[in-house]
Amino acid sequence: NTKGVEEVGRILQKEFDAIGMTTSWITMPDSMKRGGHLFAEQKGK
């Protein structure tokens, strides 16, 4: 259920955005018939 996967991911994406992390939604090719991935990153040393 790729639409449901993305819906959950978008909700969490907003939450990570709210704490200052840089987020990205990585879409998989249509041929794979799979939902994308949510990545969030905080840079530092």
PDB file of all heavy atoms in Angstrom:
ATOM      1  N   ASN A   1       0.860  -1.185   0.000  1.00  0.00           N
ATOM      2  CA  ASN A   1       0.000   0.000   0.000  1.00  0.00           C
ATOM      3  C   ASN A   1       0.893   1.231   0.000  1.00  0.00           C
ATOM      4  O   ASN A   1       1.110   1.889   1.020  1.00  0.00           O
ATOM      5  CB  ASN A   1      -0.917  -0.009   1.218  1.00  0.00           C
ATOM      6  CG  ASN A   1      -1.854   1.192   1.265  1.00  0.00           C
ATOM      7  OD1 ASN A   1      -1.970   1.937   0.286  1.00  0.00           O
ATOM      8  ND2 ASN A   1      -2.520   1.387   2.389  1.00  0.00           N
ATOM      9  N   THR A   2       1.419   1.554  -1.162  1.00  0.00           N
ATOM     10  CA  THR A   2       2.435   2.609  -1.243  1.00  0.00           C
ATOM     11  C   THR A   2       1.901   3.972  -0.829  1.00  0.00           C
ATOM     12  O   THR A   2       2.636   4.788  -0.265  1.00  0.00           O
ATOM     13  CB  THR A   2       3.012   2.687  -2.665  1.00  0.00           C
ATOM     14  OG1 THR A   2       1.949   2.906  -3.605  1.00  0.00           O
ATOM     15  CG2 THR A   2       3.718   1.381  -3.030  1.00  0.00           C
ATOM     16  N   LYS A   3       0.622   4.237  -1.079  1.00  0.00           N
ATOM     17  CA  LYS A   3       0.042   5.523  -0.664  1.00  0.00           C
ATOM     18  C   LYS A   3      -0.010   5.626   0.855  1.00  0.00           C
ATOM     19  O   LYS A   3       0.258   6.686   1.431  1.00  0.00           O
ATOM     20  CB  LYS A   3      -1.352   5.696  -1.263  1.00  0.00           C
ATOM     21  CG  LYS A   3      -1.352   5.905  -2.769  1.00  0.00           C
ATOM     22  CD  LYS A   3      -2.765   6.148  -3.295  1.00  0.00           C
ATOM     23  CE  LYS A   3      -2.751   6.391  -4.803  1.00  0.00           C
ATOM     24  NZ  LYS A   3      -4.124   6.609  -5.327  1.00  0.00           N
ATOM     25  N   GLY A   4      -0.375   4.527   1.521  1.00  0.00           N
ATOM     26  CA  GLY A   4      -0.405   4.533   2.978  1.00  0.00           C
ATOM     27  C   GLY A   4       0.979   4.686   3.575  1.00  0.00           C
ATOM     28  O   GLY A   4       1.160   5.397   4.576  1.00  0.00           O
ATOM     29  N   VAL A   5       1.969   4.033   2.975  1.00  0.00           N
ATOM     30  CA  VAL A   5       3.350   4.160   3.439  1.00  0.00           C
ATOM     31  C   VAL A   5       3.784   5.618   3.367  1.00  0.00           C
ATOM     32  O   VAL A   5       4.364   6.170   4.317  1.00  0.00           O
ATOM     33  CB  VAL A   5       4.291   3.259   2.612  1.00  0.00           C
ATOM     34  CG1 VAL A   5       5.750   3.588   2.914  1.00  0.00           C
ATOM     35  CG2 VAL A   5       4.018   1.789   2.897  1.00  0.00           C
ATOM     36  N   GLU A   6       3.481   6.259   2.249  1.00  0.00           N
ATOM     37  CA  GLU A   6       3.880   7.661   2.094  1.00  0.00           C
ATOM     38  C   GLU A   6       3.117   8.557   3.068  1.00  0.00           C
ATOM     39  O   GLU A   6       3.682   9.512   3.607  1.00  0.00           O
ATOM     40  CB  GLU A   6       3.653   8.139   0.660  1.00  0.00           C
ATOM     41  CG  GLU A   6       4.091   9.581   0.463  1.00  0.00           C
ATOM     42  CD  GLU A   6       4.143  10.021  -0.986  1.00  0.00           C
ATOM     43  OE1 GLU A   6       3.932   9.165  -1.866  1.00  0.00           O
ATOM     44  OE2 GLU A   6       4.392  11.213  -1.231  1.00  0.00           O
ATOM     45  N   GLU A   7       1.837   8.271   3.311  1.00  0.00           N
ATOM     46  CA  GLU A   7       1.065   9.090   4.241  1.00  0.00           C
ATOM     47  C   GLU A   7       1.683   9.068   5.636  1.00  0.00           C
ATOM     48  O   GLU A   7       1.823  10.112   6.286  1.00  0.00           O
ATOM     49  CB  GLU A   7      -0.382   8.613   4.292  1.00  0.00           C
ATOM     50  CG  GLU A   7      -1.279   9.507   5.139  1.00  0.00           C
ATOM     51  CD  GLU A   7      -2.731   9.071   5.147  1.00  0.00           C
ATOM     52  OE1 GLU A   7      -3.082   8.114   4.422  1.00  0.00           O
ATOM     53  OE2 GLU A   7      -3.524   9.677   5.900  1.00  0.00           O
ATOM     54  N   VAL A   8       2.060   7.887   6.103  1.00  0.00           N
ATOM     55  CA  VAL A   8       2.725   7.789   7.406  1.00  0.00           C
ATOM     56  C   VAL A   8       4.054   8.532   7.373  1.00  0.00           C
ATOM     57  O   VAL A   8       4.401   9.272   8.300  1.00  0.00           O
ATOM     58  CB  VAL A   8       2.939   6.318   7.804  1.00  0.00           C
ATOM     59  CG1 VAL A   8       3.798   6.216   9.062  1.00  0.00           C
ATOM     60  CG2 VAL A   8       1.602   5.630   8.035  1.00  0.00           C
ATOM     61  N   GLY A   9       4.794   8.371   6.285  1.00  0.00           N
ATOM     62  CA  GLY A   9       6.082   9.028   6.166  1.00  0.00           C
ATOM     63  C   GLY A   9       5.982  10.537   6.173  1.00  0.00           C
ATOM     64  O   GLY A   9       6.794  11.231   6.804  1.00  0.00           O
ATOM     65  N   ARG A  10       4.979  11.071   5.498  1.00  0.00           N
ATOM     66  CA  ARG A  10       4.825  12.527   5.444  1.00  0.00           C
ATOM     67  C   ARG A  10       4.477  13.096   6.816  1.00  0.00           C
ATOM     68  O   ARG A  10       4.894  14.215   7.167  1.00  0.00           O
ATOM     69  CB  ARG A  10       3.745  12.905   4.430  1.00  0.00           C
ATOM     70  CG  ARG A  10       4.075  12.547   2.979  1.00  0.00           C
ATOM     71  CD  ARG A  10       5.315  13.243   2.473  1.00  0.00           C
ATOM     72  NE  ARG A  10       5.528  12.984   1.047  1.00  0.00           N
ATOM     73  CZ  ARG A  10       6.576  13.409   0.357  1.00  0.00           C
ATOM     74  NH1 ARG A  10       7.543  14.085   0.970  1.00  0.00           N
ATOM     75  NH2 ARG A  10       6.683  13.129  -0.940  1.00  0.00           N
ATOM     76  N   ILE A  11       3.698  12.362   7.606  1.00  0.00           N
ATOM     77  CA  ILE A  11       3.380  12.815   8.967  1.00  0.00           C
ATOM     78  C   ILE A  11       4.654  12.923   9.794  1.00  0.00           C
ATOM     79  O   ILE A  11       4.898  13.928  10.476  1.00  0.00           O
ATOM     80  CB  ILE A  11       2.374  11.853   9.626  1.00  0.00           C
ATOM     81  CG1 ILE A  11       1.001  11.982   8.968  1.00  0.00           C
ATOM     82  CG2 ILE A  11       2.272  12.129  11.134  1.00  0.00           C
ATOM     83  CD1 ILE A  11       0.008  10.934   9.413  1.00  0.00           C
ATOM     84  N   LEU A  12       5.483  11.889   9.730  1.00  0.00           N
ATOM     85  CA  LEU A  12       6.726  11.908  10.497  1.00  0.00           C
ATOM     86  C   LEU A  12       7.719  12.917   9.938  1.00  0.00           C
ATOM     87  O   LEU A  12       8.508  13.509  10.694  1.00  0.00           O
ATOM     88  CB  LEU A  12       7.343  10.509  10.520  1.00  0.00           C
ATOM     89  CG  LEU A  12       6.513   9.436  11.237  1.00  0.00           C
ATOM     90  CD1 LEU A  12       7.235   8.094  11.210  1.00  0.00           C
ATOM     91  CD2 LEU A  12       6.212   9.836  12.677  1.00  0.00           C
ATOM     92  N   GLN A  13       7.677  13.129   8.650  1.00  0.00           N
ATOM     93  CA  GLN A  13       8.568  14.118   8.041  1.00  0.00           C
ATOM     94  C   GLN A  13       8.343  15.496   8.651  1.00  0.00           C
ATOM     95  O   GLN A  13       9.304  16.223   8.968  1.00  0.00           O
ATOM     96  CB  GLN A  13       8.358  14.157   6.524  1.00  0.00           C
ATOM     97  CG  GLN A  13       9.335  15.077   5.795  1.00  0.00           C
ATOM     98  CD  GLN A  13       9.217  14.944   4.281  1.00  0.00           C
ATOM     99  OE1 GLN A  13       8.222  14.442   3.764  1.00  0.00           O
ATOM    100  NE2 GLN A  13      10.241  15.375   3.569  1.00  0.00           N
ATOM    101  N   LYS A  14       7.094  15.886   8.842  1.00  0.00           N
ATOM    102  CA  LYS A  14       6.784  17.183   9.463  1.00  0.00           C
ATOM    103  C   LYS A  14       7.330  17.260  10.884  1.00  0.00           C
ATOM    104  O   LYS A  14       7.794  18.311  11.333  1.00  0.00           O
ATOM    105  CB  LYS A  14       5.283  17.406   9.457  1.00  0.00           C
ATOM    106  CG  LYS A  14       4.675  17.619   8.074  1.00  0.00           C
ATOM    107  CD  LYS A  14       3.163  17.791   8.159  1.00  0.00           C
ATOM    108  CE  LYS A  14       2.564  17.966   6.773  1.00  0.00           C
ATOM    109  NZ  LYS A  14       1.082  18.106   6.825  1.00  0.00           N
ATOM    110  N   GLU A  15       7.283  16.136  11.589  1.00  0.00           N
ATOM    111  CA  GLU A  15       7.778  16.127  12.963  1.00  0.00           C
ATOM    112  C   GLU A  15       9.297  16.305  13.007  1.00  0.00           C
ATOM    113  O   GLU A  15       9.826  17.017  13.878  1.00  0.00           O
ATOM    114  CB  GLU A  15       7.386  14.816  13.651  1.00  0.00           C
ATOM    115  CG  GLU A  15       5.891  14.576  13.768  1.00  0.00           C
ATOM    116  CD  GLU A  15       5.228  15.559  14.719  1.00  0.00           C
ATOM    117  OE1 GLU A  15       5.910  16.045  15.639  1.00  0.00           O
ATOM    118  OE2 GLU A  15       4.015  15.831  14.536  1.00  0.00           O
ATOM    119  N   PHE A  16      10.014  15.658  12.103  1.00  0.00           N
ATOM    120  CA  PHE A  16      11.464  15.839  12.058  1.00  0.00           C
ATOM    121  C   PHE A  16      11.830  17.243  11.578  1.00  0.00           C
ATOM    122  O   PHE A  16      12.797  17.839  12.063  1.00  0.00           O
ATOM    123  CB  PHE A  16      12.108  14.772  11.162  1.00  0.00           C
ATOM    124  CG  PHE A  16      12.166  13.410  11.787  1.00  0.00           C
ATOM    125  CD1 PHE A  16      11.363  12.367  11.320  1.00  0.00           C
ATOM    126  CD2 PHE A  16      13.015  13.149  12.852  1.00  0.00           C
ATOM    127  CE1 PHE A  16      11.407  11.110  11.895  1.00  0.00           C
ATOM    128  CE2 PHE A  16      13.068  11.885  13.443  1.00  0.00           C
ATOM    129  CZ  PHE A  16      12.265  10.866  12.961  1.00  0.00           C
ATOM    130  N   ASP A  17      11.047  17.784  10.643  1.00  0.00           N
ATOM    131  CA  ASP A  17      11.266  19.170  10.222  1.00  0.00           C
ATOM    132  C   ASP A  17      11.149  20.123  11.408  1.00  0.00           C
ATOM    133  O   ASP A  17      11.903  21.098  11.533  1.00  0.00           O
ATOM    134  CB  ASP A  17      10.237  19.578   9.155  1.00  0.00           C
ATOM    135  CG  ASP A  17      10.506  18.953   7.799  1.00  0.00           C
ATOM    136  OD1 ASP A  17      11.674  18.568   7.534  1.00  0.00           O
ATOM    137  OD2 ASP A  17       9.543  18.830   7.004  1.00  0.00           O
ATOM    138  N   ALA A  18      10.189  19.837  12.301  1.00  0.00           N
ATOM    139  CA  ALA A  18       9.901  20.736  13.421  1.00  0.00           C
ATOM    140  C   ALA A  18      11.038  20.802  14.431  1.00  0.00           C
ATOM    141  O   ALA A  18      11.112  21.758  15.217  1.00  0.00           O
ATOM    142  CB  ALA A  18       8.609  20.302  14.117  1.00  0.00           C
ATOM    143  N   ILE A  19      11.926  19.811  14.444  1.00  0.00           N
ATOM    144  CA  ILE A  19      13.056  19.857  15.372  1.00  0.00           C
ATOM    145  C   ILE A  19      14.347  20.213  14.639  1.00  0.00           C
ATOM    146  O   ILE A  19      15.457  19.944  15.124  1.00  0.00           O
ATOM    147  CB  ILE A  19      13.213  18.545  16.162  1.00  0.00           C
ATOM    148  CG1 ILE A  19      13.443  17.350  15.239  1.00  0.00           C
ATOM    149  CG2 ILE A  19      11.986  18.312  17.041  1.00  0.00           C
ATOM    150  CD1 ILE A  19      13.769  16.047  15.995  1.00  0.00           C
ATOM    151  N   GLY A  20      14.200  20.811  13.469  1.00  0.00           N
ATOM    152  CA  GLY A  20      15.340  21.383  12.773  1.00  0.00           C
ATOM    153  C   GLY A  20      16.156  20.431  11.928  1.00  0.00           C
ATOM    154  O   GLY A  20      17.234  20.797  11.447  1.00  0.00           O
ATOM    155  N   MET A  21      15.657  19.221  11.699  1.00  0.00           N
ATOM    156  CA  MET A  21      16.405  18.276  10.881  1.00  0.00           C
ATOM    157  C   MET A  21      16.085  18.476   9.405  1.00  0.00           C
ATOM    158  O   MET A  21      14.986  18.947   9.055  1.00  0.00           O
ATOM    159  CB  MET A  21      16.098  16.842  11.302  1.00  0.00           C
ATOM    160  CG  MET A  21      16.479  16.548  12.750  1.00  0.00           C
ATOM    161  SD  MET A  21      16.346  14.800  13.217  1.00  0.00           S
ATOM    162  CE  MET A  21      17.801  14.110  12.408  1.00  0.00           C
ATOM    163  N   THR A  22      17.017  18.149   8.557  1.00  0.00           N
ATOM    164  CA  THR A  22      16.819  18.242   7.115  1.00  0.00           C
ATOM    165  C   THR A  22      16.248  16.924   6.621  1.00  0.00           C
ATOM    166  O   THR A  22      16.878  15.872   6.781  1.00  0.00           O
ATOM    167  CB  THR A  22      18.146  18.529   6.395  1.00  0.00           C
ATOM    168  OG1 THR A  22      18.687  19.754   6.892  1.00  0.00           O
ATOM    169  CG2 THR A  22      17.928  18.639   4.893  1.00  0.00           C
ATOM    170  N   THR A  23      15.051  16.964   6.040  1.00  0.00           N
ATOM    171  CA  THR A  23      14.376  15.728   5.651  1.00  0.00           C
ATOM    172  C   THR A  23      14.308  15.589   4.135  1.00  0.00           C
ATOM    173  O   THR A  23      14.355  16.575   3.396  1.00  0.00           O
ATOM    174  CB  THR A  23      12.950  15.672   6.220  1.00  0.00           C
ATOM    175  OG1 THR A  23      12.189  16.777   5.704  1.00  0.00           O
ATOM    176  CG2 THR A  23      12.967  15.734   7.741  1.00  0.00           C
ATOM    177  N   SER A  24      14.177  14.354   3.707  1.00  0.00           N
ATOM    178  CA  SER A  24      13.995  14.076   2.275  1.00  0.00           C
ATOM    179  C   SER A  24      13.132  12.838   2.122  1.00  0.00           C
ATOM    180  O   SER A  24      13.250  11.889   2.905  1.00  0.00           O
ATOM    181  CB  SER A  24      15.343  13.885   1.575  1.00  0.00           C
ATOM    182  OG  SER A  24      16.073  12.824   2.156  1.00  0.00           O
ATOM    183  N   TRP A  25      12.254  12.872   1.127  1.00  0.00           N
ATOM    184  CA  TRP A  25      11.433  11.708   0.794  1.00  0.00           C
ATOM    185  C   TRP A  25      12.002  11.104  -0.472  1.00  0.00           C
ATOM    186  O   TRP A  25      12.053  11.752  -1.523  1.00  0.00           O
ATOM    187  CB  TRP A  25       9.973  12.101   0.585  1.00  0.00           C
ATOM    188  CG  TRP A  25       9.113  10.911   0.265  1.00  0.00           C
ATOM    189  CD1 TRP A  25       8.630  10.556  -0.955  1.00  0.00           C
ATOM    190  CD2 TRP A  25       8.675   9.905   1.178  1.00  0.00           C
ATOM    191  NE1 TRP A  25       7.921   9.386  -0.863  1.00  0.00           N
ATOM    192  CE2 TRP A  25       7.929   8.964   0.439  1.00  0.00           C
ATOM    193  CE3 TRP A  25       8.843   9.694   2.545  1.00  0.00           C
ATOM    194  CZ2 TRP A  25       7.345   7.837   1.023  1.00  0.00           C
ATOM    195  CZ3 TRP A  25       8.272   8.578   3.129  1.00  0.00           C
ATOM    196  CH2 TRP A  25       7.520   7.664   2.369  1.00  0.00           C
ATOM    197  N   ILE A  26      12.486   9.868  -0.373  1.00  0.00           N
ATOM    198  CA  ILE A  26      13.176   9.216  -1.480  1.00  0.00           C
ATOM    199  C   ILE A  26      12.203   8.265  -2.155  1.00  0.00           C
ATOM    200  O   ILE A  26      11.809   7.241  -1.590  1.00  0.00           O
ATOM    201  CB  ILE A  26      14.425   8.472  -0.983  1.00  0.00           C
ATOM    202  CG1 ILE A  26      15.366   9.450  -0.278  1.00  0.00           C
ATOM    203  CG2 ILE A  26      15.128   7.778  -2.139  1.00  0.00           C
ATOM    204  CD1 ILE A  26      16.517   8.791   0.445  1.00  0.00           C
ATOM    205  N   THR A  27      11.791   8.614  -3.361  1.00  0.00           N
ATOM    206  CA  THR A  27      10.799   7.831  -4.099  1.00  0.00           C
ATOM    207  C   THR A  27      11.470   6.672  -4.831  1.00  0.00           C
ATOM    208  O   THR A  27      12.539   6.830  -5.426  1.00  0.00           O
ATOM    209  CB  THR A  27      10.072   8.729  -5.114  1.00  0.00           C
ATOM    210  OG1 THR A  27       9.461   9.810  -4.409  1.00  0.00           O
ATOM    211  CG2 THR A  27       8.992   7.957  -5.855  1.00  0.00           C
ATOM    212  N   MET A  28      10.841   5.510  -4.781  1.00  0.00           N
ATOM    213  CA  MET A  28      11.329   4.357  -5.523  1.00  0.00           C
ATOM    214  C   MET A  28      10.696   4.320  -6.925  1.00  0.00           C
ATOM    215  O   MET A  28       9.581   4.833  -7.117  1.00  0.00           O
ATOM    216  CB  MET A  28      10.982   3.061  -4.777  1.00  0.00           C
ATOM    217  CG  MET A  28      11.691   2.906  -3.444  1.00  0.00           C
ATOM    218  SD  MET A  28      13.491   2.675  -3.582  1.00  0.00           S
ATOM    219  CE  MET A  28      14.077   4.339  -3.140  1.00  0.00           C
ATOM    220  N   PRO A  29      11.369   3.729  -7.901  1.00  0.00           N
ATOM    221  CA  PRO A  29      10.796   3.640  -9.253  1.00  0.00           C
ATOM    222  C   PRO A  29       9.449   2.918  -9.251  1.00  0.00           C
ATOM    223  O   PRO A  29       9.243   1.982  -8.469  1.00  0.00           O
ATOM    224  CB  PRO A  29      11.852   2.829 -10.025  1.00  0.00           C
ATOM    225  CG  PRO A  29      13.126   3.035  -9.271  1.00  0.00           C
ATOM    226  CD  PRO A  29      12.729   3.163  -7.831  1.00  0.00           C
ATOM    227  N   ASP A  30       8.528   3.337 -10.111  1.00  0.00           N
ATOM    228  CA  ASP A  30       7.197   2.720 -10.184  1.00  0.00           C
ATOM    229  C   ASP A  30       7.277   1.219 -10.415  1.00  0.00           C
ATOM    230  O   ASP A  30       6.436   0.456  -9.920  1.00  0.00           O
ATOM    231  CB  ASP A  30       6.375   3.375 -11.304  1.00  0.00           C
ATOM    232  CG  ASP A  30       5.992   4.808 -10.975  1.00  0.00           C
ATOM    233  OD1 ASP A  30       6.050   5.187  -9.786  1.00  0.00           O
ATOM    234  OD2 ASP A  30       5.633   5.549 -11.910  1.00  0.00           O
ATOM    235  N   SER A  31       8.279   0.784 -11.176  1.00  0.00           N
ATOM    236  CA  SER A  31       8.406  -0.636 -11.509  1.00  0.00           C
ATOM    237  C   SER A  31       8.627  -1.508 -10.270  1.00  0.00           C
ATOM    238  O   SER A  31       8.334  -2.709 -10.284  1.00  0.00           O
ATOM    239  CB  SER A  31       9.567  -0.841 -12.481  1.00  0.00           C
ATOM    240  OG  SER A  31      10.794  -0.393 -11.914  1.00  0.00           O
ATOM    241  N   MET A  32       9.117  -0.918  -9.172  1.00  0.00           N
ATOM    242  CA  MET A  32       9.389  -1.690  -7.961  1.00  0.00           C
ATOM    243  C   MET A  32       8.129  -1.923  -7.133  1.00  0.00           C
ATOM    244  O   MET A  32       8.095  -2.818  -6.293  1.00  0.00           O
ATOM    245  CB  MET A  32      10.446  -0.979  -7.113  1.00  0.00           C
ATOM    246  CG  MET A  32      11.824  -1.009  -7.732  1.00  0.00           C
ATOM    247  SD  MET A  32      13.059  -0.033  -6.822  1.00  0.00           S
ATOM    248  CE  MET A  32      13.008  -0.811  -5.222  1.00  0.00           C
ATOM    249  N   LYS A  33       7.105  -1.090  -7.353  1.00  0.00           N
ATOM    250  CA  LYS A  33       5.835  -1.215  -6.618  1.00  0.00           C
ATOM    251  C   LYS A  33       6.062  -1.207  -5.104  1.00  0.00           C
ATOM    252  O   LYS A  33       5.523  -2.007  -4.349  1.00  0.00           O
ATOM    253  CB  LYS A  33       5.095  -2.491  -7.041  1.00  0.00           C
ATOM    254  CG  LYS A  33       4.723  -2.502  -8.519  1.00  0.00           C
ATOM    255  CD  LYS A  33       3.994  -3.771  -8.918  1.00  0.00           C
ATOM    256  CE  LYS A  33       3.656  -3.750 -10.405  1.00  0.00           C
ATOM    257  NZ  LYS A  33       2.962  -4.995 -10.822  1.00  0.00           N
ATOM    258  N   ARG A  34       6.868  -0.255  -4.664  1.00  0.00           N
ATOM    259  CA  ARG A  34       7.186  -0.105  -3.251  1.00  0.00           C
ATOM    260  C   ARG A  34       7.125   1.367  -2.862  1.00  0.00           C
ATOM    261  O   ARG A  34       7.374   2.256  -3.679  1.00  0.00           O
ATOM    262  CB  ARG A  34       8.590  -0.642  -2.929  1.00  0.00           C
ATOM    263  CG  ARG A  34       8.745  -2.136  -3.069  1.00  0.00           C
ATOM    264  CD  ARG A  34       7.913  -2.906  -2.061  1.00  0.00           C
ATOM    265  NE  ARG A  34       8.179  -4.335  -2.091  1.00  0.00           N
ATOM    266  CZ  ARG A  34       7.580  -5.187  -2.911  1.00  0.00           C
ATOM    267  NH1 ARG A  34       6.683  -4.753  -3.798  1.00  0.00           N
ATOM    268  NH2 ARG A  34       7.863  -6.478  -2.867  1.00  0.00           N
ATOM    269  N   GLY A  35       6.806   1.597  -1.579  1.00  0.00           N
ATOM    270  CA  GLY A  35       6.806   2.956  -1.072  1.00  0.00           C
ATOM    271  C   GLY A  35       8.219   3.505  -0.963  1.00  0.00           C
ATOM    272  O   GLY A  35       9.208   2.763  -1.028  1.00  0.00           O
ATOM    273  N   GLY A  36       8.300   4.795  -0.764  1.00  0.00           N
ATOM    274  CA  GLY A  36       9.602   5.434  -0.633  1.00  0.00           C
ATOM    275  C   GLY A  36      10.156   5.353   0.779  1.00  0.00           C
ATOM    276  O   GLY A  36       9.594   4.696   1.655  1.00  0.00           O
ATOM    277  N   HIS A  37      11.265   6.038   0.995  1.00  0.00           N
ATOM    278  CA  HIS A  37      11.938   6.068   2.288  1.00  0.00           C
ATOM    279  C   HIS A  37      12.001   7.499   2.805  1.00  0.00           C
ATOM    280  O   HIS A  37      12.185   8.445   2.031  1.00  0.00           O
ATOM    281  CB  HIS A  37      13.371   5.530   2.172  1.00  0.00           C
ATOM    282  CG  HIS A  37      13.490   4.241   1.425  1.00  0.00           C
ATOM    283  ND1 HIS A  37      12.593   3.208   1.584  1.00  0.00           N
ATOM    284  CD2 HIS A  37      14.407   3.824   0.513  1.00  0.00           C
ATOM    285  CE1 HIS A  37      12.965   2.195   0.806  1.00  0.00           C
ATOM    286  NE2 HIS A  37      14.052   2.551   0.145  1.00  0.00           N
ATOM    287  N   LEU A  38      11.864   7.654   4.108  1.00  0.00           N
ATOM    288  CA  LEU A  38      12.025   8.955   4.748  1.00  0.00           C
ATOM    289  C   LEU A  38      13.394   9.007   5.414  1.00  0.00           C
ATOM    290  O   LEU A  38      13.719   8.150   6.244  1.00  0.00           O
ATOM    291  CB  LEU A  38      10.935   9.183   5.798  1.00  0.00           C
ATOM    292  CG  LEU A  38      11.093  10.439   6.667  1.00  0.00           C
ATOM    293  CD1 LEU A  38      11.065  11.700   5.816  1.00  0.00           C
ATOM    294  CD2 LEU A  38      10.021  10.487   7.752  1.00  0.00           C
ATOM    295  N   PHE A  39      14.187  10.007   5.042  1.00  0.00           N
ATOM    296  CA  PHE A  39      15.470  10.249   5.685  1.00  0.00           C
ATOM    297  C   PHE A  39      15.439  11.621   6.345  1.00  0.00           C
ATOM    298  O   PHE A  39      14.866  12.570   5.792  1.00  0.00           O
ATOM    299  CB  PHE A  39      16.612  10.194   4.671  1.00  0.00           C
ATOM    300  CG  PHE A  39      17.134   8.803   4.413  1.00  0.00           C
ATOM    301  CD1 PHE A  39      16.304   7.809   3.904  1.00  0.00           C
ATOM    302  CD2 PHE A  39      18.450   8.476   4.690  1.00  0.00           C
ATOM    303  CE1 PHE A  39      16.770   6.530   3.677  1.00  0.00           C
ATOM    304  CE2 PHE A  39      18.933   7.190   4.467  1.00  0.00           C
ATOM    305  CZ  PHE A  39      18.092   6.215   3.952  1.00  0.00           C
ATOM    306  N   ALA A  40      16.028  11.718   7.517  1.00  0.00           N
ATOM    307  CA  ALA A  40      16.158  12.992   8.227  1.00  0.00           C
ATOM    308  C   ALA A  40      17.583  13.085   8.744  1.00  0.00           C
ATOM    309  O   ALA A  40      18.126  12.101   9.257  1.00  0.00           O
ATOM    310  CB  ALA A  40      15.161  13.081   9.379  1.00  0.00           C
ATOM    311  N   GLU A  41      18.194  14.265   8.620  1.00  0.00           N
ATOM    312  CA  GLU A  41      19.603  14.386   8.990  1.00  0.00           C
ATOM    313  C   GLU A  41      19.866  15.665   9.758  1.00  0.00           C
ATOM    314  O   GLU A  41      19.326  16.726   9.451  1.00  0.00           O
ATOM    315  CB  GLU A  41      20.497  14.329   7.749  1.00  0.00           C
ATOM    316  CG  GLU A  41      21.980  14.375   8.073  1.00  0.00           C
ATOM    317  CD  GLU A  41      22.878  14.008   6.896  1.00  0.00           C
ATOM    318  OE1 GLU A  41      22.339  13.643   5.831  1.00  0.00           O
ATOM    319  OE2 GLU A  41      24.112  14.061   7.056  1.00  0.00           O
ATOM    320  N   GLN A  42      20.677  15.523  10.775  1.00  0.00           N
ATOM    321  CA  GLN A  42      21.232  16.645  11.530  1.00  0.00           C
ATOM    322  C   GLN A  42      22.742  16.585  11.369  1.00  0.00           C
ATOM    323  O   GLN A  42      23.363  15.578  11.722  1.00  0.00           O
ATOM    324  CB  GLN A  42      20.854  16.541  13.003  1.00  0.00           C
ATOM    325  CG  GLN A  42      21.661  17.418  13.946  1.00  0.00           C
ATOM    326  CD  GLN A  42      21.320  18.879  13.805  1.00  0.00           C
ATOM    327  OE1 GLN A  42      20.155  19.238  13.777  1.00  0.00           O
ATOM    328  NE2 GLN A  42      22.340  19.736  13.679  1.00  0.00           N
ATOM    329  N   LYS A  43      23.349  17.619  10.825  1.00  0.00           N
ATOM    330  CA  LYS A  43      24.783  17.609  10.589  1.00  0.00           C
ATOM    331  C   LYS A  43      25.524  18.125  11.817  1.00  0.00           C
ATOM    332  O   LYS A  43      25.005  18.951  12.577  1.00  0.00           O
ATOM    333  CB  LYS A  43      25.141  18.447   9.363  1.00  0.00           C
ATOM    334  CG  LYS A  43      24.603  17.873   8.062  1.00  0.00           C
ATOM    335  CD  LYS A  43      25.097  18.671   6.875  1.00  0.00           C
ATOM    336  CE  LYS A  43      24.551  18.109   5.556  1.00  0.00           C
ATOM    337  NZ  LYS A  43      25.043  16.746   5.306  1.00  0.00           N
ATOM    338  N   GLY A  44      26.731  17.632  12.028  1.00  0.00           N
ATOM    339  CA  GLY A  44      27.548  18.082  13.136  1.00  0.00           C
ATOM    340  C   GLY A  44      28.857  17.338  13.189  1.00  0.00           C
ATOM    341  O   GLY A  44      29.063  16.345  12.481  1.00  0.00           O
ATOM    342  N   LYS A  45      29.734  17.795  14.059  1.00  0.00           N
ATOM    343  CA  LYS A  45      31.072  17.216  14.161  1.00  0.00           C
ATOM    344  C   LYS A  45      31.390  16.727  15.572  1.00  0.00           C
ATOM    345  O   LYS A  45      32.486  16.235  15.815  1.00  0.00           O
ATOM    346  CB  LYS A  45      32.122  18.241  13.731  1.00  0.00           C
ATOM    347  CG  LYS A  45      32.001  18.669  12.268  1.00  0.00           C
ATOM    348  CD  LYS A  45      33.078  19.672  11.891  1.00  0.00           C
ATOM    349  CE  LYS A  45      32.950  20.092  10.426  1.00  0.00           C
ATOM    350  NZ  LYS A  45      33.994  21.078  10.065  1.00  0.00           N
TER     351      LYS A  45
END
